[in-house]
N, C-alpha and C. Protein backbone atom coordinates (compact mmCIF):
# COMPACT_ATOMS: atom_id res chain seq x y z
N MET A 1 -67.46 -81.66 -34.01
CA MET A 1 -66.05 -81.82 -34.23
C MET A 1 -65.51 -82.99 -33.40
N ASP A 2 -64.67 -83.81 -33.92
CA ASP A 2 -64.08 -84.91 -33.17
C ASP A 2 -63.09 -84.35 -32.16
N ARG A 3 -63.42 -84.48 -30.86
CA ARG A 3 -62.58 -83.86 -29.81
C ARG A 3 -61.24 -84.59 -29.66
N PHE A 4 -61.12 -85.80 -30.26
CA PHE A 4 -59.85 -86.51 -30.18
C PHE A 4 -58.93 -86.15 -31.33
N HIS A 5 -59.45 -85.45 -32.35
CA HIS A 5 -58.64 -85.13 -33.54
C HIS A 5 -57.60 -84.09 -33.17
N PRO A 6 -56.32 -84.25 -33.61
CA PRO A 6 -55.27 -83.30 -33.27
C PRO A 6 -55.61 -81.86 -33.63
N LEU A 7 -56.34 -81.66 -34.73
CA LEU A 7 -56.67 -80.30 -35.13
C LEU A 7 -57.65 -79.63 -34.19
N SER A 8 -58.34 -80.42 -33.36
CA SER A 8 -59.28 -79.80 -32.44
C SER A 8 -58.71 -79.59 -31.03
N VAL A 9 -57.49 -79.98 -30.79
CA VAL A 9 -56.90 -79.84 -29.47
C VAL A 9 -56.38 -78.40 -29.30
N PRO A 10 -56.73 -77.77 -28.18
CA PRO A 10 -56.25 -76.39 -27.96
C PRO A 10 -54.71 -76.32 -27.90
N ARG A 11 -54.19 -75.19 -28.41
CA ARG A 11 -52.74 -75.00 -28.33
C ARG A 11 -52.33 -74.19 -27.10
N HIS A 12 -53.28 -73.53 -26.48
CA HIS A 12 -53.00 -72.74 -25.30
C HIS A 12 -53.76 -73.32 -24.11
N TRP A 13 -53.09 -73.48 -22.95
CA TRP A 13 -53.66 -74.12 -21.82
C TRP A 13 -53.35 -73.35 -20.54
N LEU A 14 -54.32 -73.38 -19.64
CA LEU A 14 -54.18 -72.87 -18.29
C LEU A 14 -54.24 -74.07 -17.32
N PHE A 15 -53.24 -74.22 -16.46
CA PHE A 15 -53.28 -75.17 -15.36
C PHE A 15 -53.65 -74.41 -14.10
N SER A 16 -54.70 -74.88 -13.45
CA SER A 16 -55.10 -74.22 -12.21
C SER A 16 -54.15 -74.60 -11.06
N ASP A 17 -53.99 -73.67 -10.14
CA ASP A 17 -53.15 -73.92 -8.98
C ASP A 17 -53.61 -73.00 -7.86
N GLU A 18 -53.84 -73.61 -6.68
CA GLU A 18 -54.27 -72.81 -5.54
C GLU A 18 -53.30 -71.69 -5.17
N ARG A 19 -52.01 -71.86 -5.53
CA ARG A 19 -51.01 -70.89 -5.16
C ARG A 19 -50.90 -69.71 -6.10
N ALA A 20 -51.64 -69.76 -7.20
CA ALA A 20 -51.57 -68.69 -8.23
C ALA A 20 -52.10 -67.38 -7.58
N PRO A 21 -51.53 -66.20 -7.95
CA PRO A 21 -51.93 -64.95 -7.35
C PRO A 21 -53.35 -64.54 -7.73
N LEU A 22 -53.85 -65.00 -8.88
CA LEU A 22 -55.20 -64.68 -9.33
C LEU A 22 -56.07 -65.92 -9.28
N PRO A 23 -57.33 -65.81 -8.90
CA PRO A 23 -58.25 -66.97 -8.90
C PRO A 23 -58.39 -67.59 -10.29
N VAL A 24 -58.63 -68.85 -10.33
CA VAL A 24 -58.71 -69.54 -11.63
C VAL A 24 -59.83 -69.00 -12.48
N GLU A 25 -60.96 -68.54 -11.87
CA GLU A 25 -62.04 -67.96 -12.64
C GLU A 25 -61.57 -66.71 -13.42
N ARG A 26 -60.75 -65.90 -12.74
CA ARG A 26 -60.24 -64.66 -13.40
C ARG A 26 -59.27 -65.02 -14.53
N LEU A 27 -58.43 -66.01 -14.30
CA LEU A 27 -57.46 -66.43 -15.32
C LEU A 27 -58.22 -67.05 -16.53
N ALA A 28 -59.23 -67.84 -16.23
CA ALA A 28 -60.01 -68.46 -17.32
C ALA A 28 -60.62 -67.40 -18.23
N ALA A 29 -61.07 -66.31 -17.64
CA ALA A 29 -61.69 -65.23 -18.43
C ALA A 29 -60.69 -64.50 -19.28
N LEU A 30 -59.36 -64.68 -19.01
CA LEU A 30 -58.35 -63.99 -19.81
C LEU A 30 -57.89 -64.81 -20.98
N LEU A 31 -58.25 -66.12 -21.05
CA LEU A 31 -57.73 -67.01 -22.09
C LEU A 31 -58.32 -66.65 -23.45
N PRO A 32 -57.55 -66.83 -24.52
CA PRO A 32 -58.09 -66.66 -25.87
C PRO A 32 -59.17 -67.72 -26.12
N PRO A 33 -60.24 -67.41 -26.85
CA PRO A 33 -61.21 -68.42 -27.19
C PRO A 33 -60.54 -69.61 -27.87
N GLY A 34 -61.04 -70.81 -27.55
CA GLY A 34 -60.44 -72.03 -28.12
C GLY A 34 -59.32 -72.59 -27.28
N SER A 35 -59.00 -71.95 -26.15
CA SER A 35 -57.93 -72.46 -25.27
C SER A 35 -58.48 -73.59 -24.41
N GLY A 36 -57.57 -74.17 -23.59
CA GLY A 36 -57.96 -75.26 -22.73
C GLY A 36 -57.62 -74.94 -21.27
N ILE A 37 -58.30 -75.60 -20.36
CA ILE A 37 -58.08 -75.44 -18.91
C ILE A 37 -57.95 -76.83 -18.33
N VAL A 38 -56.93 -77.01 -17.47
CA VAL A 38 -56.85 -78.21 -16.63
C VAL A 38 -57.10 -77.78 -15.21
N LEU A 39 -58.24 -78.23 -14.70
CA LEU A 39 -58.64 -77.84 -13.33
C LEU A 39 -58.13 -78.86 -12.34
N ARG A 40 -57.25 -78.44 -11.44
CA ARG A 40 -56.74 -79.29 -10.38
C ARG A 40 -57.37 -78.94 -9.04
N HIS A 41 -56.81 -78.05 -8.30
CA HIS A 41 -57.37 -77.59 -6.99
C HIS A 41 -57.71 -78.80 -6.13
N ASP A 42 -56.80 -79.75 -6.00
CA ASP A 42 -57.05 -80.98 -5.24
C ASP A 42 -57.26 -80.76 -3.76
N ARG A 43 -56.76 -79.65 -3.23
CA ARG A 43 -56.85 -79.44 -1.78
C ARG A 43 -58.23 -79.03 -1.33
N LEU A 44 -59.08 -78.65 -2.25
CA LEU A 44 -60.44 -78.25 -1.87
C LEU A 44 -61.25 -79.47 -1.42
N ALA A 45 -62.16 -79.21 -0.53
CA ALA A 45 -63.15 -80.24 -0.17
C ALA A 45 -63.97 -80.62 -1.41
N PRO A 46 -64.41 -81.86 -1.52
CA PRO A 46 -65.13 -82.27 -2.77
C PRO A 46 -66.29 -81.33 -3.15
N ALA A 47 -67.08 -80.88 -2.18
CA ALA A 47 -68.22 -80.02 -2.54
C ALA A 47 -67.75 -78.70 -3.09
N ALA A 48 -66.71 -78.12 -2.47
CA ALA A 48 -66.18 -76.84 -2.95
C ALA A 48 -65.53 -77.03 -4.34
N ARG A 49 -64.84 -78.11 -4.51
CA ARG A 49 -64.21 -78.40 -5.81
C ARG A 49 -65.25 -78.57 -6.89
N TRP A 50 -66.35 -79.25 -6.57
CA TRP A 50 -67.44 -79.42 -7.55
C TRP A 50 -68.01 -78.07 -7.91
N ARG A 51 -68.25 -77.20 -6.95
CA ARG A 51 -68.79 -75.86 -7.25
C ARG A 51 -67.83 -75.08 -8.14
N LEU A 52 -66.51 -75.16 -7.83
CA LEU A 52 -65.54 -74.47 -8.68
C LEU A 52 -65.56 -75.03 -10.11
N CYS A 53 -65.64 -76.34 -10.22
CA CYS A 53 -65.66 -76.95 -11.55
C CYS A 53 -66.89 -76.48 -12.34
N ARG A 54 -68.05 -76.39 -11.67
CA ARG A 54 -69.25 -75.93 -12.36
C ARG A 54 -69.09 -74.47 -12.82
N ARG A 55 -68.46 -73.63 -11.97
CA ARG A 55 -68.24 -72.24 -12.40
C ARG A 55 -67.34 -72.17 -13.60
N ILE A 56 -66.24 -72.93 -13.59
CA ILE A 56 -65.30 -72.91 -14.70
C ILE A 56 -65.95 -73.52 -15.93
N ALA A 57 -66.80 -74.53 -15.76
CA ALA A 57 -67.48 -75.11 -16.92
C ALA A 57 -68.38 -74.12 -17.58
N ARG A 58 -69.04 -73.22 -16.80
CA ARG A 58 -69.89 -72.19 -17.39
C ARG A 58 -69.05 -71.17 -18.14
N ILE A 59 -67.92 -70.80 -17.56
CA ILE A 59 -67.03 -69.85 -18.26
C ILE A 59 -66.53 -70.51 -19.57
N ALA A 60 -66.13 -71.75 -19.47
CA ALA A 60 -65.62 -72.44 -20.65
C ALA A 60 -66.67 -72.52 -21.75
N ALA A 61 -67.90 -72.87 -21.39
CA ALA A 61 -68.94 -72.96 -22.39
C ALA A 61 -69.24 -71.61 -23.06
N SER A 62 -69.18 -70.56 -22.27
CA SER A 62 -69.49 -69.23 -22.82
C SER A 62 -68.38 -68.67 -23.70
N ARG A 63 -67.12 -69.16 -23.53
CA ARG A 63 -66.01 -68.60 -24.23
C ARG A 63 -65.36 -69.58 -25.21
N GLY A 64 -65.99 -70.74 -25.40
CA GLY A 64 -65.45 -71.70 -26.35
C GLY A 64 -64.15 -72.35 -25.88
N LEU A 65 -64.02 -72.61 -24.58
CA LEU A 65 -62.86 -73.23 -23.99
C LEU A 65 -63.10 -74.71 -23.77
N VAL A 66 -62.04 -75.49 -23.62
CA VAL A 66 -62.10 -76.92 -23.31
C VAL A 66 -61.67 -77.08 -21.87
N LEU A 67 -62.45 -77.78 -21.09
CA LEU A 67 -62.14 -77.99 -19.67
C LEU A 67 -61.85 -79.47 -19.40
N LEU A 68 -60.66 -79.74 -18.88
CA LEU A 68 -60.28 -81.06 -18.40
C LEU A 68 -60.20 -81.03 -16.89
N LEU A 69 -60.86 -81.99 -16.25
CA LEU A 69 -60.79 -82.10 -14.79
C LEU A 69 -59.74 -83.12 -14.42
N ALA A 70 -58.83 -82.78 -13.52
CA ALA A 70 -57.83 -83.71 -13.05
C ALA A 70 -58.48 -84.67 -12.06
N ASP A 71 -59.07 -85.70 -12.60
CA ASP A 71 -59.78 -86.69 -11.78
C ASP A 71 -60.16 -87.83 -12.68
N THR A 72 -60.97 -88.76 -12.18
CA THR A 72 -61.36 -89.92 -12.97
C THR A 72 -62.36 -89.50 -14.03
N PRO A 73 -62.42 -90.23 -15.15
CA PRO A 73 -63.35 -89.85 -16.23
C PRO A 73 -64.83 -89.79 -15.80
N ASP A 74 -65.24 -90.70 -14.91
CA ASP A 74 -66.65 -90.68 -14.50
C ASP A 74 -66.98 -89.41 -13.72
N ILE A 75 -66.05 -88.96 -12.87
CA ILE A 75 -66.28 -87.73 -12.14
C ILE A 75 -66.25 -86.55 -13.09
N ALA A 76 -65.28 -86.55 -14.03
CA ALA A 76 -65.25 -85.48 -15.01
C ALA A 76 -66.55 -85.36 -15.77
N ARG A 77 -67.15 -86.49 -16.16
CA ARG A 77 -68.42 -86.45 -16.85
C ARG A 77 -69.51 -85.93 -15.97
N ARG A 78 -69.59 -86.42 -14.74
CA ARG A 78 -70.68 -85.96 -13.82
C ARG A 78 -70.56 -84.51 -13.50
N TRP A 79 -69.33 -83.99 -13.41
CA TRP A 79 -69.17 -82.59 -13.02
C TRP A 79 -69.24 -81.62 -14.19
N GLY A 80 -69.42 -82.13 -15.38
CA GLY A 80 -69.63 -81.25 -16.52
C GLY A 80 -68.39 -80.81 -17.25
N ALA A 81 -67.25 -81.52 -17.00
CA ALA A 81 -66.02 -81.18 -17.73
C ALA A 81 -66.10 -81.82 -19.12
N ASP A 82 -65.26 -81.31 -20.01
CA ASP A 82 -65.21 -81.85 -21.39
C ASP A 82 -64.35 -83.11 -21.44
N GLY A 83 -63.48 -83.31 -20.48
CA GLY A 83 -62.60 -84.48 -20.49
C GLY A 83 -61.88 -84.57 -19.18
N ALA A 84 -60.92 -85.50 -19.11
CA ALA A 84 -60.21 -85.77 -17.88
C ALA A 84 -58.71 -85.63 -18.08
N HIS A 85 -58.01 -85.13 -17.06
CA HIS A 85 -56.59 -85.16 -17.02
C HIS A 85 -56.20 -86.27 -16.10
N LEU A 86 -55.61 -87.33 -16.67
CA LEU A 86 -55.30 -88.52 -15.90
C LEU A 86 -53.82 -88.49 -15.49
N ARG A 87 -53.59 -88.25 -14.19
CA ARG A 87 -52.24 -88.38 -13.71
C ARG A 87 -51.80 -89.85 -13.86
N GLN A 88 -50.51 -90.08 -13.81
CA GLN A 88 -49.99 -91.42 -14.06
C GLN A 88 -50.66 -92.46 -13.16
N SER A 89 -50.99 -92.10 -11.95
CA SER A 89 -51.65 -93.06 -11.05
C SER A 89 -53.05 -93.42 -11.52
N LEU A 90 -53.64 -92.60 -12.42
CA LEU A 90 -54.97 -92.87 -12.94
C LEU A 90 -54.97 -93.36 -14.37
N GLY A 91 -53.76 -93.68 -14.86
CA GLY A 91 -53.66 -94.12 -16.25
C GLY A 91 -54.51 -95.33 -16.55
N ARG A 92 -54.75 -96.16 -15.56
CA ARG A 92 -55.58 -97.33 -15.77
C ARG A 92 -57.06 -96.99 -16.13
N ARG A 93 -57.42 -95.72 -15.95
CA ARG A 93 -58.76 -95.28 -16.27
C ARG A 93 -58.90 -94.80 -17.73
N ALA A 94 -57.83 -94.97 -18.54
CA ALA A 94 -57.89 -94.51 -19.90
C ALA A 94 -59.02 -95.23 -20.68
N GLY A 95 -59.22 -96.51 -20.43
CA GLY A 95 -60.28 -97.27 -21.12
C GLY A 95 -61.64 -96.71 -20.74
N GLN A 96 -61.80 -96.29 -19.47
CA GLN A 96 -63.09 -95.70 -19.09
C GLN A 96 -63.34 -94.40 -19.81
N ALA A 97 -62.30 -93.58 -19.99
CA ALA A 97 -62.46 -92.32 -20.72
C ALA A 97 -62.92 -92.64 -22.17
N ARG A 98 -62.28 -93.59 -22.79
CA ARG A 98 -62.72 -93.92 -24.17
C ARG A 98 -64.15 -94.45 -24.21
N ALA A 99 -64.51 -95.26 -23.21
CA ALA A 99 -65.88 -95.82 -23.21
C ALA A 99 -66.91 -94.68 -23.02
N LEU A 100 -66.54 -93.64 -22.29
CA LEU A 100 -67.45 -92.51 -22.06
C LEU A 100 -67.36 -91.49 -23.22
N GLY A 101 -66.44 -91.69 -24.17
CA GLY A 101 -66.28 -90.75 -25.27
C GLY A 101 -65.64 -89.44 -24.83
N LEU A 102 -64.84 -89.48 -23.77
CA LEU A 102 -64.19 -88.27 -23.25
C LEU A 102 -62.72 -88.22 -23.68
N PRO A 103 -62.26 -87.07 -24.19
CA PRO A 103 -60.82 -86.91 -24.41
C PRO A 103 -60.12 -86.90 -23.06
N PHE A 104 -58.86 -87.33 -23.06
CA PHE A 104 -58.10 -87.29 -21.83
C PHE A 104 -56.65 -86.92 -22.14
N ALA A 105 -56.00 -86.43 -21.13
CA ALA A 105 -54.60 -86.04 -21.22
C ALA A 105 -53.84 -86.76 -20.15
N MET A 106 -52.50 -86.84 -20.33
CA MET A 106 -51.64 -87.43 -19.33
C MET A 106 -50.37 -86.59 -19.21
N PRO A 107 -49.78 -86.52 -18.00
CA PRO A 107 -48.50 -85.84 -17.82
C PRO A 107 -47.38 -86.75 -18.19
N VAL A 108 -46.29 -86.17 -18.71
CA VAL A 108 -45.08 -86.91 -19.06
C VAL A 108 -43.87 -86.17 -18.54
N HIS A 109 -43.06 -86.82 -17.72
CA HIS A 109 -41.86 -86.25 -17.17
C HIS A 109 -40.60 -86.98 -17.56
N ASP A 110 -40.72 -88.20 -17.99
CA ASP A 110 -39.55 -89.02 -18.33
C ASP A 110 -39.93 -90.08 -19.36
N ALA A 111 -38.96 -90.89 -19.74
CA ALA A 111 -39.14 -91.85 -20.82
C ALA A 111 -40.19 -92.89 -20.45
N ALA A 112 -40.17 -93.36 -19.20
CA ALA A 112 -41.15 -94.38 -18.77
C ALA A 112 -42.58 -93.83 -18.88
N GLU A 113 -42.77 -92.61 -18.43
CA GLU A 113 -44.12 -92.04 -18.53
C GLU A 113 -44.51 -91.78 -19.99
N ALA A 114 -43.55 -91.43 -20.81
CA ALA A 114 -43.82 -91.24 -22.21
C ALA A 114 -44.29 -92.55 -22.87
N ARG A 115 -43.61 -93.65 -22.56
CA ARG A 115 -44.00 -94.94 -23.10
C ARG A 115 -45.39 -95.34 -22.64
N ARG A 116 -45.69 -95.06 -21.36
CA ARG A 116 -47.02 -95.41 -20.86
C ARG A 116 -48.13 -94.58 -21.51
N ALA A 117 -47.87 -93.31 -21.68
CA ALA A 117 -48.88 -92.45 -22.36
C ALA A 117 -49.14 -92.95 -23.78
N ARG A 118 -48.09 -93.34 -24.49
CA ARG A 118 -48.27 -93.88 -25.84
C ARG A 118 -49.05 -95.21 -25.81
N ARG A 119 -48.67 -96.06 -24.88
CA ARG A 119 -49.36 -97.38 -24.80
C ARG A 119 -50.84 -97.21 -24.50
N LEU A 120 -51.18 -96.22 -23.67
CA LEU A 120 -52.58 -95.98 -23.32
C LEU A 120 -53.31 -95.15 -24.34
N GLY A 121 -52.60 -94.63 -25.32
CA GLY A 121 -53.22 -93.85 -26.38
C GLY A 121 -53.70 -92.50 -25.94
N ALA A 122 -52.95 -91.81 -25.08
CA ALA A 122 -53.36 -90.49 -24.58
C ALA A 122 -53.41 -89.51 -25.77
N PRO A 123 -54.55 -88.88 -26.04
CA PRO A 123 -54.62 -87.94 -27.13
C PRO A 123 -53.82 -86.66 -26.90
N ILE A 124 -53.63 -86.29 -25.64
CA ILE A 124 -52.94 -85.06 -25.26
C ILE A 124 -51.91 -85.43 -24.23
N VAL A 125 -50.66 -84.94 -24.38
CA VAL A 125 -49.63 -85.19 -23.37
C VAL A 125 -48.99 -83.87 -22.96
N PHE A 126 -48.94 -83.64 -21.65
CA PHE A 126 -48.31 -82.44 -21.09
C PHE A 126 -46.89 -82.86 -20.69
N VAL A 127 -45.90 -82.44 -21.48
CA VAL A 127 -44.52 -82.83 -21.30
C VAL A 127 -43.82 -81.71 -20.53
N SER A 128 -43.22 -82.06 -19.38
CA SER A 128 -42.67 -81.03 -18.52
C SER A 128 -41.52 -81.60 -17.64
N PRO A 129 -40.74 -80.65 -16.99
CA PRO A 129 -40.77 -79.19 -17.19
C PRO A 129 -39.73 -78.79 -18.27
N LEU A 130 -40.19 -77.98 -19.21
CA LEU A 130 -39.25 -77.50 -20.25
C LEU A 130 -38.32 -76.46 -19.68
N HIS A 131 -38.82 -75.61 -18.76
CA HIS A 131 -37.99 -74.58 -18.11
C HIS A 131 -38.16 -74.68 -16.59
N PRO A 132 -37.25 -74.13 -15.83
CA PRO A 132 -37.44 -74.07 -14.38
C PRO A 132 -38.79 -73.42 -14.05
N THR A 133 -39.43 -73.89 -13.01
CA THR A 133 -40.76 -73.39 -12.70
C THR A 133 -40.92 -73.17 -11.20
N ARG A 134 -41.66 -72.14 -10.88
CA ARG A 134 -41.88 -71.83 -9.47
C ARG A 134 -42.71 -72.86 -8.76
N SER A 135 -43.56 -73.55 -9.50
CA SER A 135 -44.42 -74.58 -8.88
C SER A 135 -43.62 -75.81 -8.43
N HIS A 136 -42.46 -76.02 -9.02
CA HIS A 136 -41.58 -77.13 -8.62
C HIS A 136 -40.15 -76.64 -8.48
N PRO A 137 -39.88 -75.84 -7.44
CA PRO A 137 -38.55 -75.24 -7.33
C PRO A 137 -37.46 -76.29 -7.17
N GLY A 138 -36.39 -76.12 -7.94
CA GLY A 138 -35.26 -77.07 -7.85
C GLY A 138 -35.39 -78.28 -8.77
N ALA A 139 -36.54 -78.45 -9.37
CA ALA A 139 -36.68 -79.63 -10.28
C ALA A 139 -35.87 -79.36 -11.54
N PRO A 140 -35.12 -80.38 -11.99
CA PRO A 140 -34.31 -80.15 -13.22
C PRO A 140 -35.20 -79.95 -14.43
N ALA A 141 -34.83 -79.01 -15.25
CA ALA A 141 -35.60 -78.71 -16.46
C ALA A 141 -35.04 -79.50 -17.63
N LEU A 142 -35.91 -79.77 -18.59
CA LEU A 142 -35.50 -80.46 -19.80
C LEU A 142 -34.92 -79.46 -20.80
N ALA A 143 -33.87 -79.83 -21.48
CA ALA A 143 -33.42 -79.04 -22.62
C ALA A 143 -34.41 -79.23 -23.75
N THR A 144 -34.41 -78.31 -24.71
CA THR A 144 -35.36 -78.42 -25.81
C THR A 144 -35.26 -79.75 -26.57
N ALA A 145 -34.02 -80.20 -26.81
CA ALA A 145 -33.84 -81.47 -27.56
C ALA A 145 -34.43 -82.61 -26.77
N ALA A 146 -34.23 -82.65 -25.44
CA ALA A 146 -34.79 -83.72 -24.62
C ALA A 146 -36.29 -83.64 -24.56
N TRP A 147 -36.81 -82.43 -24.53
CA TRP A 147 -38.27 -82.24 -24.54
C TRP A 147 -38.89 -82.82 -25.84
N LEU A 148 -38.25 -82.52 -26.95
CA LEU A 148 -38.77 -83.02 -28.25
C LEU A 148 -38.68 -84.55 -28.31
N ARG A 149 -37.64 -85.13 -27.76
CA ARG A 149 -37.54 -86.59 -27.77
C ARG A 149 -38.67 -87.22 -26.96
N LEU A 150 -38.95 -86.66 -25.75
CA LEU A 150 -40.03 -87.18 -24.91
C LEU A 150 -41.36 -86.99 -25.63
N ALA A 151 -41.58 -85.84 -26.25
CA ALA A 151 -42.83 -85.61 -26.96
C ALA A 151 -43.05 -86.60 -28.06
N ARG A 152 -42.03 -86.90 -28.81
CA ARG A 152 -42.16 -87.89 -29.89
C ARG A 152 -42.46 -89.31 -29.33
N ARG A 153 -41.80 -89.65 -28.23
CA ARG A 153 -42.05 -90.95 -27.63
C ARG A 153 -43.46 -91.08 -27.09
N ALA A 154 -44.00 -89.99 -26.59
CA ALA A 154 -45.29 -90.07 -25.92
C ALA A 154 -46.46 -90.22 -26.89
N GLY A 155 -46.29 -89.74 -28.13
CA GLY A 155 -47.39 -89.74 -29.05
C GLY A 155 -48.43 -88.73 -28.60
N GLY A 156 -49.54 -88.68 -29.24
CA GLY A 156 -50.56 -87.69 -28.89
C GLY A 156 -50.11 -86.31 -29.23
N TYR A 157 -50.92 -85.32 -28.87
CA TYR A 157 -50.59 -83.91 -29.13
C TYR A 157 -49.76 -83.38 -27.98
N PRO A 158 -48.52 -82.95 -28.20
CA PRO A 158 -47.66 -82.52 -27.11
C PRO A 158 -47.87 -81.08 -26.70
N VAL A 159 -47.95 -80.86 -25.41
CA VAL A 159 -48.08 -79.50 -24.87
C VAL A 159 -46.97 -79.28 -23.85
N ALA A 160 -46.22 -78.22 -23.99
CA ALA A 160 -45.11 -77.87 -23.09
C ALA A 160 -45.61 -77.21 -21.83
N LEU A 161 -45.08 -77.67 -20.71
CA LEU A 161 -45.44 -77.09 -19.42
C LEU A 161 -44.13 -76.91 -18.63
N GLY A 162 -44.14 -75.92 -17.76
CA GLY A 162 -42.99 -75.62 -16.92
C GLY A 162 -42.28 -74.35 -17.33
N GLY A 163 -42.61 -73.25 -16.61
CA GLY A 163 -41.96 -71.97 -16.91
C GLY A 163 -42.30 -71.38 -18.25
N MET A 164 -43.44 -71.80 -18.81
CA MET A 164 -43.76 -71.36 -20.16
C MET A 164 -44.36 -69.93 -20.19
N THR A 165 -44.00 -69.24 -21.23
CA THR A 165 -44.59 -67.94 -21.59
C THR A 165 -44.87 -67.95 -23.08
N ALA A 166 -45.57 -66.94 -23.57
CA ALA A 166 -45.82 -66.86 -25.00
C ALA A 166 -44.50 -66.78 -25.78
N ARG A 167 -43.54 -66.05 -25.25
CA ARG A 167 -42.26 -65.91 -25.97
C ARG A 167 -41.54 -67.26 -26.03
N ARG A 168 -41.54 -67.98 -24.90
CA ARG A 168 -40.89 -69.29 -24.91
C ARG A 168 -41.62 -70.28 -25.77
N ALA A 169 -42.95 -70.13 -25.89
CA ALA A 169 -43.74 -71.02 -26.75
C ALA A 169 -43.34 -70.80 -28.21
N ARG A 170 -43.17 -69.52 -28.58
CA ARG A 170 -42.73 -69.26 -29.98
C ARG A 170 -41.35 -69.85 -30.24
N ALA A 171 -40.46 -69.73 -29.28
CA ALA A 171 -39.13 -70.32 -29.44
C ALA A 171 -39.20 -71.82 -29.60
N LEU A 172 -40.06 -72.49 -28.85
CA LEU A 172 -40.18 -73.93 -28.97
C LEU A 172 -40.75 -74.32 -30.34
N ARG A 173 -41.71 -73.55 -30.82
CA ARG A 173 -42.26 -73.89 -32.13
C ARG A 173 -41.20 -73.71 -33.23
N ARG A 174 -40.36 -72.72 -33.07
CA ARG A 174 -39.26 -72.55 -34.07
C ARG A 174 -38.32 -73.74 -34.00
N ALA A 175 -37.97 -74.17 -32.77
CA ALA A 175 -37.07 -75.29 -32.61
C ALA A 175 -37.69 -76.60 -33.05
N SER A 176 -39.02 -76.66 -33.12
CA SER A 176 -39.71 -77.90 -33.52
C SER A 176 -39.83 -78.08 -35.01
N LYS A 177 -39.52 -77.07 -35.80
CA LYS A 177 -39.65 -77.18 -37.22
C LYS A 177 -38.78 -78.30 -37.74
N GLY A 178 -39.39 -79.12 -38.57
CA GLY A 178 -38.68 -80.29 -39.12
C GLY A 178 -38.79 -81.52 -38.26
N SER A 179 -39.39 -81.39 -37.06
CA SER A 179 -39.51 -82.53 -36.16
C SER A 179 -40.81 -83.28 -36.36
N GLY A 180 -41.75 -82.68 -37.13
CA GLY A 180 -43.04 -83.28 -37.28
C GLY A 180 -44.00 -82.94 -36.13
N LEU A 181 -43.56 -82.14 -35.18
CA LEU A 181 -44.35 -81.71 -34.04
C LEU A 181 -44.77 -80.26 -34.19
N SER A 182 -45.95 -79.95 -33.65
CA SER A 182 -46.42 -78.56 -33.62
C SER A 182 -46.98 -78.32 -32.23
N PRO A 183 -46.10 -78.15 -31.25
CA PRO A 183 -46.51 -78.24 -29.84
C PRO A 183 -47.32 -77.02 -29.38
N GLY A 184 -48.18 -77.28 -28.41
CA GLY A 184 -48.87 -76.25 -27.68
C GLY A 184 -48.12 -75.91 -26.41
N TRP A 185 -48.69 -75.02 -25.62
CA TRP A 185 -48.02 -74.66 -24.36
C TRP A 185 -49.05 -74.43 -23.26
N ALA A 186 -48.60 -74.63 -22.06
CA ALA A 186 -49.48 -74.46 -20.91
C ALA A 186 -48.75 -73.70 -19.81
N ALA A 187 -49.48 -72.98 -18.99
CA ALA A 187 -48.87 -72.23 -17.90
C ALA A 187 -49.88 -72.09 -16.76
N ILE A 188 -49.35 -71.69 -15.63
CA ILE A 188 -50.21 -71.47 -14.46
C ILE A 188 -50.57 -69.99 -14.37
N ASP A 189 -49.57 -69.14 -14.13
CA ASP A 189 -49.91 -67.70 -13.92
C ASP A 189 -49.38 -66.82 -15.03
N ALA A 190 -48.77 -67.38 -16.07
CA ALA A 190 -48.28 -66.54 -17.17
C ALA A 190 -49.44 -65.76 -17.82
N TRP A 191 -50.64 -66.33 -17.81
CA TRP A 191 -51.77 -65.60 -18.42
C TRP A 191 -52.07 -64.32 -17.68
N GLY A 192 -52.00 -64.36 -16.35
CA GLY A 192 -52.25 -63.16 -15.59
C GLY A 192 -51.12 -62.14 -15.77
N GLU A 193 -49.90 -62.62 -15.85
CA GLU A 193 -48.76 -61.74 -16.07
C GLU A 193 -48.85 -61.07 -17.42
N GLU A 194 -49.27 -61.84 -18.43
CA GLU A 194 -49.39 -61.28 -19.77
C GLU A 194 -50.47 -60.24 -19.81
N ALA A 195 -51.59 -60.48 -19.14
CA ALA A 195 -52.66 -59.49 -19.12
C ALA A 195 -52.24 -58.21 -18.39
N ALA A 196 -51.47 -58.35 -17.31
CA ALA A 196 -50.95 -57.18 -16.59
C ALA A 196 -50.00 -56.41 -17.45
N ALA A 197 -49.16 -57.10 -18.23
CA ALA A 197 -48.21 -56.41 -19.14
C ALA A 197 -48.98 -55.63 -20.21
N LYS A 198 -50.04 -56.21 -20.72
CA LYS A 198 -50.86 -55.51 -21.74
C LYS A 198 -51.49 -54.28 -21.16
N ARG A 199 -51.97 -54.37 -19.89
CA ARG A 199 -52.57 -53.18 -19.25
C ARG A 199 -51.54 -52.08 -19.08
N ARG A 200 -50.31 -52.46 -18.69
CA ARG A 200 -49.28 -51.44 -18.52
C ARG A 200 -48.95 -50.79 -19.84
N ARG A 201 -48.89 -51.56 -20.92
CA ARG A 201 -48.62 -50.95 -22.24
C ARG A 201 -49.72 -50.01 -22.64
N ARG A 202 -50.97 -50.37 -22.39
CA ARG A 202 -52.09 -49.48 -22.75
C ARG A 202 -52.03 -48.18 -21.94
N GLN A 203 -51.67 -48.29 -20.64
CA GLN A 203 -51.61 -47.12 -19.78
C GLN A 203 -50.53 -46.17 -20.24
N LYS A 204 -49.42 -46.73 -20.73
CA LYS A 204 -48.34 -45.87 -21.24
C LYS A 204 -48.76 -45.13 -22.48
N ARG A 205 -49.59 -45.75 -23.33
CA ARG A 205 -50.02 -45.10 -24.55
C ARG A 205 -51.02 -44.00 -24.31
N ASN A 206 -51.78 -44.13 -23.19
CA ASN A 206 -52.85 -43.16 -22.89
C ASN A 206 -52.32 -41.94 -22.13
């Protein structure tokens, strides 16, 4: 399958974060098959981060997940990730990702970043924050209309990040009808919260 084709891009994503209450390995195991993971954990020492990436890569391979490493494309390739998440400071490495045949994603927070992502041909764009988020307290959130405008400017497959839940993702998809967009969504710890809610519902039934 062409990993750059929009139909092959996951609609559900997990962003790793050292501050999340559950370890990323546990959260990765909760994702629906076909989902994606963006592995950050930048505060780890390189050797520890490499070991974590290898563990997540094994989980991803066993469950049909896509793993993007937030780093340069050459490191993503060496460490066994499926692609790279290029922060704006690494946008100049987009050509390297294409040369290596790796899909890559870029973050988009404003119009300038949207234009740059389009110019560099980012196949996946994480547009944020759609809602207030605990990971960036006090950061202004985008209204849905502003989010859709940025997503259209950025090109690529748009994924909403920032305070996202499954319910909010459904609301965004309803609001996107007629826009030509079919956005995905990403979260940090919503997956663990959703799994905990499912467990509570099962316990109530038993």
